[in-house]
PDB file of all heavy atoms in Angstrom:
ATOM      1  N   GLY A   1     -27.891 -12.688  53.143  1.00  0.00           N
ATOM      2  CA  GLY A   1     -27.130 -13.163  54.350  1.00  0.00           C
ATOM      3  C   GLY A   1     -27.827 -14.406  54.990  1.00  0.00           C
ATOM      4  O   GLY A   1     -27.112 -15.332  55.399  1.00  0.00           O
ATOM      5  N   VAL A   2     -29.166 -14.412  55.047  1.00  0.00           N
ATOM      6  CA  VAL A   2     -29.894 -15.513  55.564  1.00  0.00           C
ATOM      7  C   VAL A   2     -29.633 -16.794  54.710  1.00  0.00           C
ATOM      8  O   VAL A   2     -29.450 -17.882  55.261  1.00  0.00           O
ATOM      9  CB  VAL A   2     -31.439 -15.228  55.605  1.00  0.00           C
ATOM     10  CG1 VAL A   2     -32.178 -16.450  55.993  1.00  0.00           C
ATOM     11  CG2 VAL A   2     -31.685 -14.162  56.651  1.00  0.00           C
ATOM     12  N   GLY A   3     -29.642 -16.593  53.408  1.00  0.00           N
ATOM     13  CA  GLY A   3     -29.426 -17.717  52.486  1.00  0.00           C
ATOM     14  C   GLY A   3     -28.044 -18.313  52.678  1.00  0.00           C
ATOM     15  O   GLY A   3     -27.852 -19.536  52.706  1.00  0.00           O
ATOM     16  N   SER A   4     -27.063 -17.395  52.879  1.00  0.00           N
ATOM     17  CA  SER A   4     -25.734 -17.872  53.122  1.00  0.00           C
ATOM     18  C   SER A   4     -25.625 -18.621  54.440  1.00  0.00           C
ATOM     19  O   SER A   4     -24.936 -19.660  54.618  1.00  0.00           O
ATOM     20  CB  SER A   4     -24.739 -16.651  53.169  1.00  0.00           C
ATOM     21  OG  SER A   4     -23.446 -17.043  53.472  1.00  0.00           O
ATOM     22  N   ALA A   5     -26.267 -18.106  55.508  1.00  0.00           N
ATOM     23  CA  ALA A   5     -26.213 -18.740  56.822  1.00  0.00           C
ATOM     24  C   ALA A   5     -26.873 -20.123  56.780  1.00  0.00           C
ATOM     25  O   ALA A   5     -26.441 -21.020  57.524  1.00  0.00           O
ATOM     26  CB  ALA A   5     -26.927 -17.809  57.861  1.00  0.00           C
ATOM     27  N   THR A   6     -27.879 -20.317  55.934  1.00  0.00           N
ATOM     28  CA  THR A   6     -28.525 -21.664  55.826  1.00  0.00           C
ATOM     29  C   THR A   6     -27.680 -22.565  55.044  1.00  0.00           C
ATOM     30  O   THR A   6     -27.564 -23.816  55.343  1.00  0.00           O
ATOM     31  CB  THR A   6     -29.823 -21.420  55.112  1.00  0.00           C
ATOM     32  OG1 THR A   6     -30.648 -20.464  55.818  1.00  0.00           O
ATOM     33  CG2 THR A   6     -30.581 -22.779  54.981  1.00  0.00           C
ATOM     34  N   PHE A   7     -26.955 -22.012  54.011  1.00  0.00           N
ATOM     35  CA  PHE A   7     -26.236 -22.886  53.087  1.00  0.00           C
ATOM     36  C   PHE A   7     -25.030 -23.549  53.688  1.00  0.00           C
ATOM     37  O   PHE A   7     -24.861 -24.771  53.652  1.00  0.00           O
ATOM     38  CB  PHE A   7     -25.805 -22.060  51.885  1.00  0.00           C
ATOM     39  CG  PHE A   7     -24.976 -22.811  50.858  1.00  0.00           C
ATOM     40  CD1 PHE A   7     -25.550 -23.550  49.921  1.00  0.00           C
ATOM     41  CD2 PHE A   7     -23.517 -22.727  50.943  1.00  0.00           C
ATOM     42  CE1 PHE A   7     -24.780 -24.252  48.968  1.00  0.00           C
ATOM     43  CE2 PHE A   7     -22.812 -23.456  50.119  1.00  0.00           C
ATOM     44  CZ  PHE A   7     -23.347 -24.158  49.097  1.00  0.00           C
ATOM     45  N   HIS A   8     -24.142 -22.776  54.317  1.00  0.00           N
ATOM     46  CA  HIS A   8     -22.822 -23.276  54.714  1.00  0.00           C
ATOM     47  C   HIS A   8     -22.790 -24.482  55.614  1.00  0.00           C
ATOM     48  O   HIS A   8     -22.154 -25.535  55.393  1.00  0.00           O
ATOM     49  CB  HIS A   8     -21.857 -22.178  55.131  1.00  0.00           C
ATOM     50  CG  HIS A   8     -21.457 -21.276  54.019  1.00  0.00           C
ATOM     51  ND1 HIS A   8     -22.176 -20.160  53.650  1.00  0.00           N
ATOM     52  CD2 HIS A   8     -20.317 -21.305  53.230  1.00  0.00           C
ATOM     53  CE1 HIS A   8     -21.467 -19.551  52.638  1.00  0.00           C
ATOM     54  NE2 HIS A   8     -20.393 -20.266  52.414  1.00  0.00           N
ATOM     55  N   PRO A   9     -23.455 -24.383  56.827  1.00  0.00           N
ATOM     56  CA  PRO A   9     -23.441 -25.503  57.736  1.00  0.00           C
ATOM     57  C   PRO A   9     -24.051 -26.792  57.190  1.00  0.00           C
ATOM     58  O   PRO A   9     -23.544 -27.929  57.387  1.00  0.00           O
ATOM     59  CB  PRO A   9     -24.131 -24.983  58.939  1.00  0.00           C
ATOM     60  CG  PRO A   9     -24.990 -23.850  58.497  1.00  0.00           C
ATOM     61  CD  PRO A   9     -24.239 -23.285  57.347  1.00  0.00           C
ATOM     62  N   GLU A  10     -25.175 -26.639  56.430  1.00  0.00           N
ATOM     63  CA  GLU A  10     -25.860 -27.827  55.898  1.00  0.00           C
ATOM     64  C   GLU A  10     -25.070 -28.540  54.759  1.00  0.00           C
ATOM     65  O   GLU A  10     -25.009 -29.741  54.652  1.00  0.00           O
ATOM     66  CB  GLU A  10     -27.279 -27.496  55.397  1.00  0.00           C
ATOM     67  CG  GLU A  10     -28.244 -27.260  56.583  1.00  0.00           C
ATOM     68  CD  GLU A  10     -28.212 -28.602  57.430  1.00  0.00           C
ATOM     69  OE1 GLU A  10     -28.835 -29.579  56.967  1.00  0.00           O
ATOM     70  OE2 GLU A  10     -27.663 -28.576  58.515  1.00  0.00           O
ATOM     71  N   VAL A  11     -24.468 -27.680  53.846  1.00  0.00           N
ATOM     72  CA  VAL A  11     -23.751 -28.324  52.735  1.00  0.00           C
ATOM     73  C   VAL A  11     -22.448 -28.942  53.316  1.00  0.00           C
ATOM     74  O   VAL A  11     -21.988 -29.969  52.779  1.00  0.00           O
ATOM     75  CB  VAL A  11     -23.447 -27.286  51.580  1.00  0.00           C
ATOM     76  CG1 VAL A  11     -22.600 -27.942  50.514  1.00  0.00           C
ATOM     77  CG2 VAL A  11     -24.808 -26.870  50.979  1.00  0.00           C
ATOM     78  N   SER A  12     -21.834 -28.357  54.328  1.00  0.00           N
ATOM     79  CA  SER A  12     -20.714 -28.920  54.947  1.00  0.00           C
ATOM     80  C   SER A  12     -21.049 -30.297  55.538  1.00  0.00           C
ATOM     81  O   SER A  12     -20.302 -31.256  55.480  1.00  0.00           O
ATOM     82  CB  SER A  12     -20.155 -27.976  56.068  1.00  0.00           C
ATOM     83  OG  SER A  12     -19.071 -28.589  56.694  1.00  0.00           O
ATOM     84  N   ARG A  13     -22.236 -30.408  56.102  1.00  0.00           N
ATOM     85  CA  ARG A  13     -22.674 -31.662  56.666  1.00  0.00           C
ATOM     86  C   ARG A  13     -22.862 -32.763  55.535  1.00  0.00           C
ATOM     87  O   ARG A  13     -22.434 -33.918  55.735  1.00  0.00           O
ATOM     88  CB  ARG A  13     -24.090 -31.480  57.361  1.00  0.00           C
ATOM     89  CG  ARG A  13     -24.591 -32.777  58.080  1.00  0.00           C
ATOM     90  CD  ARG A  13     -26.110 -32.683  58.295  1.00  0.00           C
ATOM     91  NE  ARG A  13     -26.454 -31.454  58.950  1.00  0.00           N
ATOM     92  CZ  ARG A  13     -26.531 -31.251  60.188  1.00  0.00           C
ATOM     93  NH1 ARG A  13     -26.147 -32.213  61.024  1.00  0.00           N
ATOM     94  NH2 ARG A  13     -26.976 -30.145  60.733  1.00  0.00           N
ATOM     95  N   ILE A  14     -23.467 -32.350  54.426  1.00  0.00           N
ATOM     96  CA  ILE A  14     -23.615 -33.271  53.265  1.00  0.00           C
ATOM     97  C   ILE A  14     -22.226 -33.719  52.720  1.00  0.00           C
ATOM     98  O   ILE A  14     -22.045 -34.870  52.375  1.00  0.00           O
ATOM     99  CB  ILE A  14     -24.483 -32.653  52.172  1.00  0.00           C
ATOM    100  CG1 ILE A  14     -25.891 -32.556  52.707  1.00  0.00           C
ATOM    101  CG2 ILE A  14     -24.424 -33.436  50.966  1.00  0.00           C
ATOM    102  CD1 ILE A  14     -26.905 -31.949  51.724  1.00  0.00           C
ATOM    103  N   ALA A  15     -21.314 -32.779  52.723  1.00  0.00           N
ATOM    104  CA  ALA A  15     -19.910 -33.121  52.270  1.00  0.00           C
ATOM    105  C   ALA A  15     -19.353 -34.201  53.144  1.00  0.00           C
ATOM    106  O   ALA A  15     -18.687 -35.154  52.733  1.00  0.00           O
ATOM    107  CB  ALA A  15     -19.012 -31.896  52.259  1.00  0.00           C
ATOM    108  N   ARG A  16     -19.604 -34.118  54.489  1.00  0.00           N
ATOM    109  CA  ARG A  16     -19.111 -35.176  55.425  1.00  0.00           C
ATOM    110  C   ARG A  16     -19.841 -36.487  55.197  1.00  0.00           C
ATOM    111  O   ARG A  16     -19.155 -37.555  55.271  1.00  0.00           O
ATOM    112  CB  ARG A  16     -19.333 -34.669  56.857  1.00  0.00           C
ATOM    113  CG  ARG A  16     -18.651 -35.515  57.903  1.00  0.00           C
ATOM    114  CD  ARG A  16     -18.856 -34.903  59.299  1.00  0.00           C
ATOM    115  NE  ARG A  16     -18.271 -35.682  60.376  1.00  0.00           N
ATOM    116  CZ  ARG A  16     -17.032 -35.631  60.849  1.00  0.00           C
ATOM    117  NH1 ARG A  16     -16.224 -34.651  60.363  1.00  0.00           N
ATOM    118  NH2 ARG A  16     -16.616 -36.319  61.798  1.00  0.00           N
ATOM    119  N   MET A  17     -21.098 -36.427  54.845  1.00  0.00           N
ATOM    120  CA  MET A  17     -21.845 -37.667  54.622  1.00  0.00           C
ATOM    121  C   MET A  17     -21.320 -38.394  53.371  1.00  0.00           C
ATOM    122  O   MET A  17     -21.293 -39.576  53.343  1.00  0.00           O
ATOM    123  CB  MET A  17     -23.408 -37.293  54.338  1.00  0.00           C
ATOM    124  CG  MET A  17     -24.153 -36.813  55.497  1.00  0.00           C
ATOM    125  SD  MET A  17     -25.847 -36.302  54.892  1.00  0.00           S
ATOM    126  CE  MET A  17     -26.522 -35.857  56.538  1.00  0.00           C
ATOM    127  N   ALA A  18     -20.912 -37.610  52.424  1.00  0.00           N
ATOM    128  CA  ALA A  18     -20.394 -38.227  51.130  1.00  0.00           C
ATOM    129  C   ALA A  18     -18.902 -38.403  51.191  1.00  0.00           C
ATOM    130  O   ALA A  18     -18.343 -38.807  50.092  1.00  0.00           O
ATOM    131  CB  ALA A  18     -20.743 -37.227  49.941  1.00  0.00           C
ATOM    132  N   SER A  19     -18.255 -38.293  52.280  1.00  0.00           N
ATOM    133  CA  SER A  19     -16.770 -38.335  52.277  1.00  0.00           C
ATOM    134  C   SER A  19     -16.225 -39.733  52.304  1.00  0.00           C
ATOM    135  O   SER A  19     -15.029 -39.905  52.027  1.00  0.00           O
ATOM    136  CB  SER A  19     -16.281 -37.560  53.580  1.00  0.00           C
ATOM    137  OG  SER A  19     -16.712 -38.308  54.726  1.00  0.00           O
ATOM    138  N   GLY A  20     -17.014 -40.744  52.600  1.00  0.00           N
ATOM    139  CA  GLY A  20     -16.482 -42.074  52.757  1.00  0.00           C
ATOM    140  C   GLY A  20     -15.447 -42.143  53.924  1.00  0.00           C
ATOM    141  O   GLY A  20     -14.516 -42.976  53.892  1.00  0.00           O
ATOM    142  N   GLY A  21     -15.583 -41.252  54.886  1.00  0.00           N
ATOM    143  CA  GLY A  21     -14.649 -41.217  55.995  1.00  0.00           C
ATOM    144  C   GLY A  21     -13.391 -40.302  55.755  1.00  0.00           C
ATOM    145  O   GLY A  21     -12.647 -40.037  56.684  1.00  0.00           O
ATOM    146  N   ARG A  22     -13.239 -39.856  54.557  1.00  0.00           N
ATOM    147  CA  ARG A  22     -12.114 -38.935  54.193  1.00  0.00           C
ATOM    148  C   ARG A  22     -12.617 -37.482  54.358  1.00  0.00           C
ATOM    149  O   ARG A  22     -12.818 -36.792  53.354  1.00  0.00           O
ATOM    150  CB  ARG A  22     -11.591 -39.184  52.768  1.00  0.00           C
ATOM    151  CG  ARG A  22     -10.695 -40.460  52.747  1.00  0.00           C
ATOM    152  CD  ARG A  22     -10.348 -40.793  51.340  1.00  0.00           C
ATOM    153  NE  ARG A  22     -11.338 -41.591  50.651  1.00  0.00           N
ATOM    154  CZ  ARG A  22     -11.252 -42.015  49.371  1.00  0.00           C
ATOM    155  NH1 ARG A  22     -10.196 -41.697  48.680  1.00  0.00           N
ATOM    156  NH2 ARG A  22     -12.233 -42.682  48.811  1.00  0.00           N
ATOM    157  N   PHE A  23     -12.813 -37.127  55.602  1.00  0.00           N
ATOM    158  CA  PHE A  23     -13.412 -35.882  55.921  1.00  0.00           C
ATOM    159  C   PHE A  23     -12.670 -34.670  55.447  1.00  0.00           C
ATOM    160  O   PHE A  23     -13.272 -33.617  54.945  1.00  0.00           O
ATOM    161  CB  PHE A  23     -13.643 -35.698  57.425  1.00  0.00           C
ATOM    162  CG  PHE A  23     -14.416 -36.884  58.060  1.00  0.00           C
ATOM    163  CD1 PHE A  23     -13.987 -37.451  59.270  1.00  0.00           C
ATOM    164  CD2 PHE A  23     -15.585 -37.350  57.473  1.00  0.00           C
ATOM    165  CE1 PHE A  23     -14.588 -38.553  59.825  1.00  0.00           C
ATOM    166  CE2 PHE A  23     -16.254 -38.444  58.071  1.00  0.00           C
ATOM    167  CZ  PHE A  23     -15.764 -39.030  59.199  1.00  0.00           C
ATOM    168  N   GLY A  24     -11.385 -34.638  55.524  1.00  0.00           N
ATOM    169  CA  GLY A  24     -10.545 -33.538  55.062  1.00  0.00           C
ATOM    170  C   GLY A  24     -10.713 -33.298  53.557  1.00  0.00           C
ATOM    171  O   GLY A  24     -10.813 -32.246  53.054  1.00  0.00           O
ATOM    172  N   THR A  25     -10.652 -34.401  52.811  1.00  0.00           N
ATOM    173  CA  THR A  25     -10.786 -34.359  51.367  1.00  0.00           C
ATOM    174  C   THR A  25     -12.113 -33.782  50.992  1.00  0.00           C
ATOM    175  O   THR A  25     -12.180 -32.902  50.095  1.00  0.00           O
ATOM    176  CB  THR A  25     -10.629 -35.807  50.770  1.00  0.00           C
ATOM    177  OG1 THR A  25      -9.328 -36.297  51.096  1.00  0.00           O
ATOM    178  CG2 THR A  25     -10.750 -35.752  49.281  1.00  0.00           C
ATOM    179  N   ALA A  26     -13.154 -34.169  51.592  1.00  0.00           N
ATOM    180  CA  ALA A  26     -14.455 -33.684  51.306  1.00  0.00           C
ATOM    181  C   ALA A  26     -14.595 -32.222  51.592  1.00  0.00           C
ATOM    182  O   ALA A  26     -15.156 -31.513  50.771  1.00  0.00           O
ATOM    183  CB  ALA A  26     -15.588 -34.471  52.067  1.00  0.00           C
ATOM    184  N   GLN A  27     -14.126 -31.786  52.673  1.00  0.00           N
ATOM    185  CA  GLN A  27     -14.156 -30.379  53.050  1.00  0.00           C
ATOM    186  C   GLN A  27     -13.328 -29.558  52.137  1.00  0.00           C
ATOM    187  O   GLN A  27     -13.621 -28.362  51.827  1.00  0.00           O
ATOM    188  CB  GLN A  27     -13.736 -30.179  54.529  1.00  0.00           C
ATOM    189  CG  GLN A  27     -14.666 -30.732  55.576  1.00  0.00           C
ATOM    190  CD  GLN A  27     -16.053 -30.208  55.476  1.00  0.00           C
ATOM    191  OE1 GLN A  27     -16.280 -29.029  55.145  1.00  0.00           O
ATOM    192  NE2 GLN A  27     -17.059 -31.017  55.810  1.00  0.00           N
ATOM    193  N   SER A  28     -12.196 -30.094  51.602  1.00  0.00           N
ATOM    194  CA  SER A  28     -11.377 -29.281  50.659  1.00  0.00           C
ATOM    195  C   SER A  28     -12.173 -29.176  49.348  1.00  0.00           C
ATOM    196  O   SER A  28     -12.102 -28.107  48.730  1.00  0.00           O
ATOM    197  CB  SER A  28     -10.106 -30.063  50.364  1.00  0.00           C
ATOM    198  OG  SER A  28      -9.179 -29.961  51.468  1.00  0.00           O
ATOM    199  N   VAL A  29     -12.872 -30.188  48.903  1.00  0.00           N
ATOM    200  CA  VAL A  29     -13.691 -30.090  47.671  1.00  0.00           C
ATOM    201  C   VAL A  29     -14.735 -28.980  47.955  1.00  0.00           C
ATOM    202  O   VAL A  29     -15.023 -28.179  47.014  1.00  0.00           O
ATOM    203  CB  VAL A  29     -14.260 -31.420  47.333  1.00  0.00           C
ATOM    204  CG1 VAL A  29     -15.329 -31.284  46.212  1.00  0.00           C
ATOM    205  CG2 VAL A  29     -13.225 -32.382  46.932  1.00  0.00           C
ATOM    206  N   PHE A  30     -15.429 -29.059  49.075  1.00  0.00           N
ATOM    207  CA  PHE A  30     -16.354 -27.992  49.389  1.00  0.00           C
ATOM    208  C   PHE A  30     -15.764 -26.624  49.367  1.00  0.00           C
ATOM    209  O   PHE A  30     -16.349 -25.667  48.714  1.00  0.00           O
ATOM    210  CB  PHE A  30     -16.922 -28.361  50.787  1.00  0.00           C
ATOM    211  CG  PHE A  30     -17.814 -27.247  51.319  1.00  0.00           C
ATOM    212  CD1 PHE A  30     -18.965 -26.808  50.607  1.00  0.00           C
ATOM    213  CD2 PHE A  30     -17.645 -26.740  52.603  1.00  0.00           C
ATOM    214  CE1 PHE A  30     -19.787 -25.855  51.165  1.00  0.00           C
ATOM    215  CE2 PHE A  30     -18.424 -25.839  53.150  1.00  0.00           C
ATOM    216  CZ  PHE A  30     -19.518 -25.381  52.436  1.00  0.00           C
ATOM    217  N   GLN A  31     -14.607 -26.412  49.974  1.00  0.00           N
ATOM    218  CA  GLN A  31     -13.999 -25.125  50.063  1.00  0.00           C
ATOM    219  C   GLN A  31     -13.558 -24.593  48.645  1.00  0.00           C
ATOM    220  O   GLN A  31     -13.720 -23.397  48.427  1.00  0.00           O
ATOM    221  CB  GLN A  31     -12.779 -25.212  50.949  1.00  0.00           C
ATOM    222  CG  GLN A  31     -13.174 -25.124  52.418  1.00  0.00           C
ATOM    223  CD  GLN A  31     -13.875 -23.889  52.866  1.00  0.00           C
ATOM    224  OE1 GLN A  31     -13.350 -22.796  52.615  1.00  0.00           O
ATOM    225  NE2 GLN A  31     -15.036 -24.024  53.343  1.00  0.00           N
ATOM    226  N   VAL A  32     -12.975 -25.413  47.864  1.00  0.00           N
ATOM    227  CA  VAL A  32     -12.487 -24.942  46.615  1.00  0.00           C
ATOM    228  C   VAL A  32     -13.577 -24.434  45.717  1.00  0.00           C
ATOM    229  O   VAL A  32     -13.425 -23.493  44.942  1.00  0.00           O
ATOM    230  CB  VAL A  32     -11.716 -26.075  45.866  1.00  0.00           C
ATOM    231  CG1 VAL A  32     -12.554 -27.041  45.202  1.00  0.00           C
ATOM    232  CG2 VAL A  32     -10.682 -25.470  44.863  1.00  0.00           C
ATOM    233  N   GLY A  33     -14.810 -25.032  45.806  1.00  0.00           N
ATOM    234  CA  GLY A  33     -15.968 -24.487  45.109  1.00  0.00           C
ATOM    235  C   GLY A  33     -16.261 -23.034  45.456  1.00  0.00           C
ATOM    236  O   GLY A  33     -16.527 -22.176  44.648  1.00  0.00           O
ATOM    237  N   GLY A  34     -16.128 -22.703  46.781  1.00  0.00           N
ATOM    238  CA  GLY A  34     -16.348 -21.371  47.237  1.00  0.00           C
ATOM    239  C   GLY A  34     -15.259 -20.417  46.669  1.00  0.00           C
ATOM    240  O   GLY A  34     -15.584 -19.259  46.297  1.00  0.00           O
ATOM    241  N   TYR A  35     -14.022 -20.806  46.682  1.00  0.00           N
ATOM    242  CA  TYR A  35     -12.977 -19.966  46.153  1.00  0.00           C
ATOM    243  C   TYR A  35     -13.162 -19.690  44.649  1.00  0.00           C
ATOM    244  O   TYR A  35     -12.919 -18.535  44.203  1.00  0.00           O
ATOM    245  CB  TYR A  35     -11.548 -20.612  46.409  1.00  0.00           C
ATOM    246  CG  TYR A  35     -11.138 -20.451  47.814  1.00  0.00           C
ATOM    247  CD1 TYR A  35     -10.919 -21.548  48.588  1.00  0.00           C
ATOM    248  CD2 TYR A  35     -10.889 -19.215  48.407  1.00  0.00           C
ATOM    249  CE1 TYR A  35     -10.502 -21.445  49.928  1.00  0.00           C
ATOM    250  CE2 TYR A  35     -10.489 -19.127  49.686  1.00  0.00           C
ATOM    251  CZ  TYR A  35     -10.267 -20.239  50.491  1.00  0.00           C
ATOM    252  OH  TYR A  35      -9.909 -20.116  51.763  1.00  0.00           O
ATOM    253  N   VAL A  36     -13.613 -20.699  43.869  1.00  0.00           N
ATOM    254  CA  VAL A  36     -13.841 -20.475  42.448  1.00  0.00           C
ATOM    255  C   VAL A  36     -14.994 -19.387  42.311  1.00  0.00           C
ATOM    256  O   VAL A  36     -14.867 -18.517  41.447  1.00  0.00           O
ATOM    257  CB  VAL A  36     -14.237 -21.824  41.789  1.00  0.00           C
ATOM    258  CG1 VAL A  36     -14.752 -21.509  40.383  1.00  0.00           C
ATOM    259  CG2 VAL A  36     -13.078 -22.701  41.775  1.00  0.00           C
ATOM    260  N   GLY A  37     -16.063 -19.570  43.107  1.00  0.00           N
ATOM    261  CA  GLY A  37     -17.171 -18.597  43.047  1.00  0.00           C
ATOM    262  C   GLY A  37     -16.715 -17.149  43.425  1.00  0.00           C
ATOM    263  O   GLY A  37     -17.095 -16.213  42.699  1.00  0.00           O
ATOM    264  N   ASN A  38     -15.877 -17.115  44.473  1.00  0.00           N
ATOM    265  CA  ASN A  38     -15.375 -15.785  44.819  1.00  0.00           C
ATOM    266  C   ASN A  38     -14.541 -15.140  43.820  1.00  0.00           C
ATOM    267  O   ASN A  38     -14.599 -13.867  43.599  1.00  0.00           O
ATOM    268  CB  ASN A  38     -14.522 -15.946  46.121  1.00  0.00           C
ATOM    269  CG  ASN A  38     -15.374 -15.805  47.416  1.00  0.00           C
ATOM    270  OD1 ASN A  38     -16.255 -15.040  47.507  1.00  0.00           O
ATOM    271  ND2 ASN A  38     -15.187 -16.676  48.372  1.00  0.00           N
ATOM    272  N   ALA A  39     -13.778 -15.943  43.084  1.00  0.00           N
ATOM    273  CA  ALA A  39     -12.884 -15.380  42.049  1.00  0.00           C
ATOM    274  C   ALA A  39     -13.733 -14.914  40.815  1.00  0.00           C
ATOM    275  O   ALA A  39     -13.398 -13.922  40.178  1.00  0.00           O
ATOM    276  CB  ALA A  39     -11.884 -16.403  41.609  1.00  0.00           C
TER     277      ALA A  39
END
């Protein structure tokens, strides 16, 4: 749980950094990785 708590906010921040201003697109890429892992 601690590892998960550390992971999500920081990787979301990096997704925003790499978004080129397309924040929604970057967050969608981030989210779909999680759904693949969950499945």
